[in-house]
Amino acid sequence: MLSLAGIEDVEMLRAMGAVAAFVHVQQCSGKATLNLLYAMAAGLDNKNILSLSAAEKGVLNRDVEDFRDLLRAHQNPECGLPS
């Protein structure tokens, strides 16, 4: 799923961060679930997904919404930025 969104390796994932990568994968495939977000975030922190607390998942969920809001606020059709 990541490679279909152009995320080719761990370095690219680290550079984007789990939240931006998750939103990008959702935009490209429409099939990403929150488990992907949690797995990427946990993996980037060298944790097991099962070790993420409800509070950590809540922060990630809010970060995704904030990131989407930021994209919408800065959308410029003339520049071709994603919605």
Protein backbone atom coordinates (compact mmCIF):
# COMPACT_ATOMS: atom_id res chain seq x y z
CA MET A 1 0.00 0.00 0.00
CA LEU A 2 2.82 2.42 0.80
CA SER A 3 4.61 1.76 -2.46
CA LEU A 4 1.42 2.45 -4.41
CA ALA A 5 1.44 5.90 -2.80
CA GLY A 6 5.09 6.43 -3.78
CA ILE A 7 6.53 5.77 -0.33
CA GLU A 8 9.42 3.57 -1.36
CA ASP A 9 11.45 3.05 1.81
CA VAL A 10 11.73 3.68 5.53
CA GLU A 11 13.77 6.83 5.00
CA MET A 12 10.94 8.36 2.98
CA LEU A 13 8.43 7.29 5.60
CA ARG A 14 10.55 8.83 8.36
CA ALA A 15 10.89 12.06 6.39
CA MET A 16 7.12 12.30 5.88
CA GLY A 17 6.11 11.06 9.29
CA ALA A 18 3.32 8.62 10.01
CA VAL A 19 0.50 11.19 9.88
CA ALA A 20 1.43 12.73 6.52
CA ALA A 21 2.16 9.30 5.06
CA PHE A 22 -1.22 7.99 6.26
CA VAL A 23 -3.12 10.91 4.73
CA HIS A 24 -1.18 10.51 1.48
CA VAL A 25 -1.93 6.78 1.30
CA GLN A 26 -5.62 7.48 1.94
CA GLN A 27 -5.65 10.06 -0.84
CA CYS A 28 -3.93 7.69 -3.25
CA SER A 29 -5.76 4.48 -2.44
CA GLY A 30 -8.75 5.35 -0.31
CA LYS A 31 -8.22 2.07 1.52
CA ALA A 32 -5.99 2.97 4.45
CA THR A 33 -7.40 2.17 7.88
CA LEU A 34 -6.36 3.57 11.23
CA ASN A 35 -4.43 0.35 11.86
CA LEU A 36 -1.99 1.46 9.16
CA LEU A 37 -1.52 4.80 10.91
CA TYR A 38 -0.95 3.11 14.26
CA ALA A 39 1.43 0.55 12.76
CA MET A 40 3.52 3.21 11.02
CA ALA A 41 3.67 5.43 14.11
CA ALA A 42 4.57 2.51 16.37
CA GLY A 43 7.15 1.19 13.91
CA LEU A 44 8.83 4.57 13.55
CA ASP A 45 9.15 4.66 17.34
CA ASN A 46 10.47 1.07 17.44
CA LYS A 47 7.35 -0.07 19.29
CA ASN A 48 4.85 -2.83 18.76
CA ILE A 49 1.46 -1.59 17.60
CA LEU A 50 -0.12 -3.38 20.56
CA SER A 51 1.84 -1.16 22.95
CA LEU A 52 0.13 2.04 21.76
CA SER A 53 -2.21 3.37 24.41
CA ALA A 54 -5.67 4.75 23.72
CA ALA A 55 -4.27 8.20 24.52
CA GLU A 56 -1.50 7.80 21.93
CA LYS A 57 -4.02 6.66 19.33
CA GLY A 58 -6.20 9.64 20.19
CA VAL A 59 -3.29 12.01 19.60
CA LEU A 60 -2.59 10.39 16.24
CA ASN A 61 -6.26 10.67 15.25
CA ARG A 62 -6.29 14.37 16.15
CA ASP A 63 -3.02 14.90 14.31
CA VAL A 64 -4.56 13.39 11.17
CA GLU A 65 -7.56 15.72 11.41
CA ASP A 66 -5.29 18.72 12.03
CA PHE A 67 -3.14 17.75 9.03
CA ARG A 68 -6.22 17.45 6.81
CA ASP A 69 -7.44 20.83 8.04
CA LEU A 70 -4.04 22.33 7.21
CA LEU A 71 -4.16 20.87 3.70
CA ARG A 72 -7.68 22.24 3.15
CA ALA A 73 -6.71 25.67 4.49
CA HIS A 74 -3.74 25.90 2.14
CA GLN A 75 -5.37 24.38 -0.90
CA ASN A 76 -4.76 26.47 -3.96
CA PRO A 77 -6.31 25.09 -7.16
CA GLU A 78 -3.90 27.14 -9.25
CA CYS A 79 -0.94 25.42 -7.61
CA GLY A 80 -2.45 21.96 -7.76
CA LEU A 81 -2.09 21.21 -4.06
CA PRO A 82 -4.10 18.18 -2.90
CA SER A 83 -7.44 18.63 -1.18
